[in-house]
Amino acid sequence: MLRPIRAYSRGEYRAVPQSALFSIITAINYLVDPFDLIPDEIPFLGFLDDATVIAFTVRKTREDLDDFMTWETQH
């Protein structure tokens, strides 16, 4: 999920929809933010909510991520 963001910011890949880009950035921000819904200090649950957000975002943006990977392998 980081590679499409990097390619977009460099101007190398602009085919990603703004909604997908926003979802990916939001999910990554949620992952690294220490003050999320369930703090990471709480064993298991702290990481479960992060994993749930990432999994949901991957499912939501799967087609866009697949399109990026196809583009990436051709360049």
PDB file of N, CA and C in Angstrom:
ATOM      1  N   MET A   1       0.808  -1.192   0.000  1.00  0.00           N
ATOM      2  CA  MET A   1       0.000   0.000   0.000  1.00  0.00           C
ATOM      3  C   MET A   1       0.857   1.263   0.000  1.00  0.00           C
ATOM      4  N   LEU A   2       2.103   1.143   0.407  1.00  0.00           N
ATOM      5  CA  LEU A   2       2.976   2.314   0.397  1.00  0.00           C
ATOM      6  C   LEU A   2       3.500   2.641  -1.000  1.00  0.00           C
ATOM      7  N   ARG A   3       3.708   1.625  -1.820  1.00  0.00           N
ATOM      8  CA  ARG A   3       4.276   1.864  -3.157  1.00  0.00           C
ATOM      9  C   ARG A   3       3.382   2.718  -4.041  1.00  0.00           C
ATOM     10  N   PRO A   4       2.060   2.504  -4.074  1.00  0.00           N
ATOM     11  CA  PRO A   4       1.233   3.408  -4.887  1.00  0.00           C
ATOM     12  C   PRO A   4       1.272   4.858  -4.395  1.00  0.00           C
ATOM     13  N   ILE A   5       1.344   5.043  -3.080  1.00  0.00           N
ATOM     14  CA  ILE A   5       1.432   6.403  -2.537  1.00  0.00           C
ATOM     15  C   ILE A   5       2.730   7.055  -2.979  1.00  0.00           C
ATOM     16  N   ARG A   6       3.816   6.310  -2.876  1.00  0.00           N
ATOM     17  CA  ARG A   6       5.123   6.836  -3.282  1.00  0.00           C
ATOM     18  C   ARG A   6       5.127   7.170  -4.772  1.00  0.00           C
ATOM     19  N   ALA A   7       4.602   6.281  -5.599  1.00  0.00           N
ATOM     20  CA  ALA A   7       4.573   6.517  -7.045  1.00  0.00           C
ATOM     21  C   ALA A   7       3.681   7.708  -7.375  1.00  0.00           C
ATOM     22  N   TYR A   8       2.576   7.846  -6.666  1.00  0.00           N
ATOM     23  CA  TYR A   8       1.681   8.977  -6.900  1.00  0.00           C
ATOM     24  C   TYR A   8       2.364  10.292  -6.527  1.00  0.00           C
ATOM     25  N   SER A   9       3.019  10.310  -5.372  1.00  0.00           N
ATOM     26  CA  SER A   9       3.658  11.549  -4.918  1.00  0.00           C
ATOM     27  C   SER A   9       4.815  11.956  -5.819  1.00  0.00           C
ATOM     28  N   ARG A  10       5.456  10.999  -6.463  1.00  0.00           N
ATOM     29  CA  ARG A  10       6.538  11.298  -7.412  1.00  0.00           C
ATOM     30  C   ARG A  10       6.013  11.672  -8.797  1.00  0.00           C
ATOM     31  N   GLY A  11       4.711  11.519  -8.988  1.00  0.00           N
ATOM     32  CA  GLY A  11       4.117  11.819 -10.283  1.00  0.00           C
ATOM     33  C   GLY A  11       4.293  10.716 -11.303  1.00  0.00           C
ATOM     34  N   GLU A  12       4.699   9.535 -10.852  1.00  0.00           N
ATOM     35  CA  GLU A  12       4.946   8.408 -11.751  1.00  0.00           C
ATOM     36  C   GLU A  12       3.662   7.654 -12.090  1.00  0.00           C
ATOM     37  N   TYR A  13       2.709   7.661 -11.172  1.00  0.00           N
ATOM     38  CA  TYR A  13       1.474   6.887 -11.345  1.00  0.00           C
ATOM     39  C   TYR A  13       0.308   7.718 -10.837  1.00  0.00           C
ATOM     40  N   ARG A  14      -0.558   8.105 -11.743  1.00  0.00           N
ATOM     41  CA  ARG A  14      -1.701   8.946 -11.372  1.00  0.00           C
ATOM     42  C   ARG A  14      -3.042   8.264 -11.622  1.00  0.00           C
ATOM     43  N   ALA A  15      -3.026   6.994 -11.962  1.00  0.00           N
ATOM     44  CA  ALA A  15      -4.270   6.293 -12.306  1.00  0.00           C
ATOM     45  C   ALA A  15      -5.064   5.851 -11.083  1.00  0.00           C
ATOM     46  N   VAL A  16      -4.534   6.051  -9.914  1.00  0.00           N
ATOM     47  CA  VAL A  16      -5.254   5.646  -8.700  1.00  0.00           C
ATOM     48  C   VAL A  16      -6.337   6.687  -8.395  1.00  0.00           C
ATOM     49  N   PRO A  17      -7.576   6.245  -8.172  1.00  0.00           N
ATOM     50  CA  PRO A  17      -8.647   7.189  -7.837  1.00  0.00           C
ATOM     51  C   PRO A  17      -8.366   7.895  -6.508  1.00  0.00           C
ATOM     52  N   GLN A  18      -8.808   9.119  -6.407  1.00  0.00           N
ATOM     53  CA  GLN A  18      -8.598   9.898  -5.184  1.00  0.00           C
ATOM     54  C   GLN A  18      -9.221   9.202  -3.971  1.00  0.00           C
ATOM     55  N   SER A  19     -10.358   8.572  -4.163  1.00  0.00           N
ATOM     56  CA  SER A  19     -11.014   7.893  -3.038  1.00  0.00           C
ATOM     57  C   SER A  19     -10.162   6.727  -2.525  1.00  0.00           C
ATOM     58  N   ALA A  20      -9.546   5.976  -3.426  1.00  0.00           N
ATOM     59  CA  ALA A  20      -8.674   4.864  -3.022  1.00  0.00           C
ATOM     60  C   ALA A  20      -7.421   5.401  -2.338  1.00  0.00           C
ATOM     61  N   LEU A  21      -6.858   6.447  -2.895  1.00  0.00           N
ATOM     62  CA  LEU A  21      -5.664   7.057  -2.302  1.00  0.00           C
ATOM     63  C   LEU A  21      -5.966   7.553  -0.891  1.00  0.00           C
ATOM     64  N   PHE A  22      -7.107   8.201  -0.723  1.00  0.00           N
ATOM     65  CA  PHE A  22      -7.516   8.689   0.589  1.00  0.00           C
ATOM     66  C   PHE A  22      -7.701   7.530   1.567  1.00  0.00           C
ATOM     67  N   SER A  23      -8.339   6.463   1.132  1.00  0.00           N
ATOM     68  CA  SER A  23      -8.558   5.303   2.004  1.00  0.00           C
ATOM     69  C   SER A  23      -7.239   4.682   2.440  1.00  0.00           C
ATOM     70  N   ILE A  24      -6.314   4.550   1.509  1.00  0.00           N
ATOM     71  CA  ILE A  24      -5.013   3.956   1.824  1.00  0.00           C
ATOM     72  C   ILE A  24      -4.239   4.824   2.803  1.00  0.00           C
ATOM     73  N   ILE A  25      -4.196   6.120   2.553  1.00  0.00           N
ATOM     74  CA  ILE A  25      -3.474   7.031   3.445  1.00  0.00           C
ATOM     75  C   ILE A  25      -4.104   7.039   4.835  1.00  0.00           C
ATOM     76  N   THR A  26      -5.422   7.030   4.888  1.00  0.00           N
ATOM     77  CA  THR A  26      -6.122   7.013   6.177  1.00  0.00           C
ATOM     78  C   THR A  26      -5.822   5.730   6.950  1.00  0.00           C
ATOM     79  N   ALA A  27      -5.817   4.592   6.265  1.00  0.00           N
ATOM     80  CA  ALA A  27      -5.533   3.314   6.938  1.00  0.00           C
ATOM     81  C   ALA A  27      -4.098   3.267   7.456  1.00  0.00           C
ATOM     82  N   ILE A  28      -3.158   3.750   6.669  1.00  0.00           N
ATOM     83  CA  ILE A  28      -1.760   3.754   7.121  1.00  0.00           C
ATOM     84  C   ILE A  28      -1.590   4.699   8.302  1.00  0.00           C
ATOM     85  N   ASN A  29      -2.253   5.839   8.236  1.00  0.00           N
ATOM     86  CA  ASN A  29      -2.202   6.780   9.358  1.00  0.00           C
ATOM     87  C   ASN A  29      -2.778   6.146  10.625  1.00  0.00           C
ATOM     88  N   TYR A  30      -3.872   5.420  10.481  1.00  0.00           N
ATOM     89  CA  TYR A  30      -4.474   4.729  11.626  1.00  0.00           C
ATOM     90  C   TYR A  30      -3.502   3.697  12.199  1.00  0.00           C
ATOM     91  N   LEU A  31      -2.800   3.012  11.311  1.00  0.00           N
ATOM     92  CA  LEU A  31      -1.854   1.985  11.746  1.00  0.00           C
ATOM     93  C   LEU A  31      -0.716   2.577  12.579  1.00  0.00           C
ATOM     94  N   VAL A  32      -0.189   3.706  12.175  1.00  0.00           N
ATOM     95  CA  VAL A  32       0.972   4.270  12.867  1.00  0.00           C
ATOM     96  C   VAL A  32       0.602   5.211  14.010  1.00  0.00           C
ATOM     97  N   ASP A  33      -0.647   5.648  14.076  1.00  0.00           N
ATOM     98  CA  ASP A  33      -1.075   6.562  15.129  1.00  0.00           C
ATOM     99  C   ASP A  33      -1.185   5.823  16.464  1.00  0.00           C
ATOM    100  N   PRO A  34      -0.449   6.267  17.476  1.00  0.00           N
ATOM    101  CA  PRO A  34      -0.519   5.569  18.764  1.00  0.00           C
ATOM    102  C   PRO A  34      -1.834   5.817  19.506  1.00  0.00           C
ATOM    103  N   PHE A  35      -2.592   6.805  19.075  1.00  0.00           N
ATOM    104  CA  PHE A  35      -3.839   7.145  19.764  1.00  0.00           C
ATOM    105  C   PHE A  35      -5.047   6.750  18.918  1.00  0.00           C
ATOM    106  N   ASP A  36      -5.109   5.477  18.556  1.00  0.00           N
ATOM    107  CA  ASP A  36      -6.251   5.005  17.774  1.00  0.00           C
ATOM    108  C   ASP A  36      -7.336   4.478  18.713  1.00  0.00           C
ATOM    109  N   LEU A  37      -8.349   3.875  18.131  1.00  0.00           N
ATOM    110  CA  LEU A  37      -9.521   3.442  18.898  1.00  0.00           C
ATOM    111  C   LEU A  37      -9.144   2.524  20.065  1.00  0.00           C
ATOM    112  N   ILE A  38      -8.333   1.513  19.797  1.00  0.00           N
ATOM    113  CA  ILE A  38      -7.864   0.608  20.852  1.00  0.00           C
ATOM    114  C   ILE A  38      -6.336   0.706  20.866  1.00  0.00           C
ATOM    115  N   PRO A  39      -5.748   1.270  21.904  1.00  0.00           N
ATOM    116  CA  PRO A  39      -4.292   1.460  21.957  1.00  0.00           C
ATOM    117  C   PRO A  39      -3.538   0.141  21.793  1.00  0.00           C
ATOM    118  N   ASP A  40      -2.381   0.219  21.140  1.00  0.00           N
ATOM    119  CA  ASP A  40      -1.580  -0.974  20.883  1.00  0.00           C
ATOM    120  C   ASP A  40      -1.023  -1.600  22.158  1.00  0.00           C
ATOM    121  N   GLU A  41      -1.041  -0.869  23.249  1.00  0.00           N
ATOM    122  CA  GLU A  41      -0.548  -1.419  24.523  1.00  0.00           C
ATOM    123  C   GLU A  41      -1.463  -2.506  25.076  1.00  0.00           C
ATOM    124  N   ILE A  42      -2.700  -2.540  24.607  1.00  0.00           N
ATOM    125  CA  ILE A  42      -3.635  -3.583  25.052  1.00  0.00           C
ATOM    126  C   ILE A  42      -3.326  -4.839  24.238  1.00  0.00           C
ATOM    127  N   PRO A  43      -2.860  -5.892  24.907  1.00  0.00           N
ATOM    128  CA  PRO A  43      -2.462  -7.097  24.180  1.00  0.00           C
ATOM    129  C   PRO A  43      -3.566  -7.625  23.262  1.00  0.00           C
ATOM    130  N   PHE A  44      -3.171  -8.039  22.107  1.00  0.00           N
ATOM    131  CA  PHE A  44      -4.004  -8.624  21.072  1.00  0.00           C
ATOM    132  C   PHE A  44      -5.010  -7.637  20.477  1.00  0.00           C
ATOM    133  N   LEU A  45      -5.878  -7.060  21.284  1.00  0.00           N
ATOM    134  CA  LEU A  45      -6.916  -6.168  20.761  1.00  0.00           C
ATOM    135  C   LEU A  45      -6.326  -4.911  20.134  1.00  0.00           C
ATOM    136  N   GLY A  46      -5.214  -4.444  20.689  1.00  0.00           N
ATOM    137  CA  GLY A  46      -4.566  -3.248  20.161  1.00  0.00           C
ATOM    138  C   GLY A  46      -4.096  -3.433  18.731  1.00  0.00           C
ATOM    139  N   PHE A  47      -3.662  -4.625  18.398  1.00  0.00           N
ATOM    140  CA  PHE A  47      -3.217  -4.899  17.030  1.00  0.00           C
ATOM    141  C   PHE A  47      -4.354  -5.416  16.158  1.00  0.00           C
ATOM    142  N   LEU A  48      -5.352  -6.005  16.768  1.00  0.00           N
ATOM    143  CA  LEU A  48      -6.486  -6.528  16.015  1.00  0.00           C
ATOM    144  C   LEU A  48      -7.248  -5.407  15.306  1.00  0.00           C
ATOM    145  N   ASP A  49      -7.446  -4.288  15.988  1.00  0.00           N
ATOM    146  CA  ASP A  49      -8.168  -3.198  15.332  1.00  0.00           C
ATOM    147  C   ASP A  49      -7.351  -2.624  14.179  1.00  0.00           C
ATOM    148  N   ASP A  50      -6.022  -2.536  14.336  1.00  0.00           N
ATOM    149  CA  ASP A  50      -5.170  -2.069  13.237  1.00  0.00           C
ATOM    150  C   ASP A  50      -5.264  -3.025  12.045  1.00  0.00           C
ATOM    151  N   ALA A  51      -5.179  -4.318  12.319  1.00  0.00           N
ATOM    152  CA  ALA A  51      -5.249  -5.320  11.253  1.00  0.00           C
ATOM    153  C   ALA A  51      -6.608  -5.287  10.558  1.00  0.00           C
ATOM    154  N   THR A  52      -7.659  -5.044  11.319  1.00  0.00           N
ATOM    155  CA  THR A  52      -9.000  -4.973  10.748  1.00  0.00           C
ATOM    156  C   THR A  52      -9.127  -3.790   9.790  1.00  0.00           C
ATOM    157  N   VAL A  53      -8.598  -2.650  10.182  1.00  0.00           N
ATOM    158  CA  VAL A  53      -8.649  -1.465   9.318  1.00  0.00           C
ATOM    159  C   VAL A  53      -7.849  -1.697   8.038  1.00  0.00           C
ATOM    160  N   ILE A  54      -6.664  -2.281   8.157  1.00  0.00           N
ATOM    161  CA  ILE A  54      -5.828  -2.549   6.980  1.00  0.00           C
ATOM    162  C   ILE A  54      -6.524  -3.567   6.067  1.00  0.00           C
ATOM    163  N   ALA A  55      -7.060  -4.631   6.629  1.00  0.00           N
ATOM    164  CA  ALA A  55      -7.745  -5.655   5.820  1.00  0.00           C
ATOM    165  C   ALA A  55      -8.959  -5.069   5.102  1.00  0.00           C
ATOM    166  N   PHE A  56      -9.728  -4.246   5.785  1.00  0.00           N
ATOM    167  CA  PHE A  56     -10.885  -3.608   5.168  1.00  0.00           C
ATOM    168  C   PHE A  56     -10.452  -2.709   4.004  1.00  0.00           C
ATOM    169  N   THR A  57      -9.399  -1.965   4.215  1.00  0.00           N
ATOM    170  CA  THR A  57      -8.911  -1.059   3.169  1.00  0.00           C
ATOM    171  C   THR A  57      -8.378  -1.824   1.973  1.00  0.00           C
ATOM    172  N   VAL A  58      -7.676  -2.907   2.220  1.00  0.00           N
ATOM    173  CA  VAL A  58      -7.176  -3.723   1.108  1.00  0.00           C
ATOM    174  C   VAL A  58      -8.340  -4.294   0.313  1.00  0.00           C
ATOM    175  N   ARG A  59      -9.362  -4.791   0.999  1.00  0.00           N
ATOM    176  CA  ARG A  59     -10.545  -5.305   0.282  1.00  0.00           C
ATOM    177  C   ARG A  59     -11.236  -4.206  -0.519  1.00  0.00           C
ATOM    178  N   LYS A  60     -11.333  -3.032   0.071  1.00  0.00           N
ATOM    179  CA  LYS A  60     -12.017  -1.912  -0.578  1.00  0.00           C
ATOM    180  C   LYS A  60     -11.252  -1.393  -1.799  1.00  0.00           C
ATOM    181  N   THR A  61      -9.933  -1.466  -1.754  1.00  0.00           N
ATOM    182  CA  THR A  61      -9.106  -0.902  -2.829  1.00  0.00           C
ATOM    183  C   THR A  61      -8.396  -1.986  -3.637  1.00  0.00           C
ATOM    184  N   ARG A  62      -8.801  -3.241  -3.504  1.00  0.00           N
ATOM    185  CA  ARG A  62      -8.128  -4.373  -4.149  1.00  0.00           C
ATOM    186  C   ARG A  62      -7.929  -4.151  -5.645  1.00  0.00           C
ATOM    187  N   GLU A  63      -8.947  -3.735  -6.348  1.00  0.00           N
ATOM    188  CA  GLU A  63      -8.839  -3.554  -7.792  1.00  0.00           C
ATOM    189  C   GLU A  63      -7.815  -2.465  -8.129  1.00  0.00           C
ATOM    190  N   ASP A  64      -7.820  -1.391  -7.386  1.00  0.00           N
ATOM    191  CA  ASP A  64      -6.861  -0.311  -7.620  1.00  0.00           C
ATOM    192  C   ASP A  64      -5.438  -0.753  -7.293  1.00  0.00           C
ATOM    193  N   LEU A  65      -5.279  -1.529  -6.229  1.00  0.00           N
ATOM    194  CA  LEU A  65      -3.956  -2.057  -5.889  1.00  0.00           C
ATOM    195  C   LEU A  65      -3.469  -3.046  -6.951  1.00  0.00           C
ATOM    196  N   ASP A  66      -4.375  -3.879  -7.449  1.00  0.00           N
ATOM    197  CA  ASP A  66      -4.014  -4.819  -8.521  1.00  0.00           C
ATOM    198  C   ASP A  66      -3.611  -4.061  -9.792  1.00  0.00           C
ATOM    199  N   ASP A  67      -4.363  -3.006 -10.127  1.00  0.00           N
ATOM    200  CA  ASP A  67      -4.022  -2.190 -11.297  1.00  0.00           C
ATOM    201  C   ASP A  67      -2.635  -1.577 -11.135  1.00  0.00           C
ATOM    202  N   PHE A  68      -2.336  -1.101  -9.940  1.00  0.00           N
ATOM    203  CA  PHE A  68      -1.017  -0.527  -9.694  1.00  0.00           C
ATOM    204  C   PHE A  68       0.068  -1.584  -9.849  1.00  0.00           C
ATOM    205  N   MET A  69      -0.143  -2.767  -9.296  1.00  0.00           N
ATOM    206  CA  MET A  69       0.874  -3.814  -9.396  1.00  0.00           C
ATOM    207  C   MET A  69       1.099  -4.223 -10.849  1.00  0.00           C
ATOM    208  N   THR A  70       0.041  -4.250 -11.637  1.00  0.00           N
ATOM    209  CA  THR A  70       0.192  -4.539 -13.074  1.00  0.00           C
ATOM    210  C   THR A  70       1.022  -3.460 -13.736  1.00  0.00           C
ATOM    211  N   TRP A  71       0.709  -2.204 -13.452  1.00  0.00           N
ATOM    212  CA  TRP A  71       1.461  -1.076 -14.013  1.00  0.00           C
ATOM    213  C   TRP A  71       2.919  -1.151 -13.569  1.00  0.00           C
ATOM    214  N   GLU A  72       3.130  -1.449 -12.283  1.00  0.00           N
ATOM    215  CA  GLU A  72       4.479  -1.477 -11.729  1.00  0.00           C
ATOM    216  C   GLU A  72       5.347  -2.556 -12.388  1.00  0.00           C
ATOM    217  N   THR A  73       4.773  -3.701 -12.672  1.00  0.00           N
ATOM    218  CA  THR A  73       5.558  -4.780 -13.294  1.00  0.00           C
ATOM    219  C   THR A  73       5.892  -4.474 -14.752  1.00  0.00           C
ATOM    220  N   GLN A  74       5.138  -3.583 -15.357  1.00  0.00           N
ATOM    221  CA  GLN A  74       5.383  -3.219 -16.760  1.00  0.00           C
ATOM    222  C   GLN A  74       6.344  -2.052 -16.891  1.00  0.00           C
ATOM    223  N   HIS A  75       6.698  -1.405 -15.789  1.00  0.00           N
ATOM    224  CA  HIS A  75       7.605  -0.241 -15.841  1.00  0.00           C
ATOM    225  C   HIS A  75       8.870  -0.482 -15.057  1.00  0.00           C
TER     226      HIS A  75
END
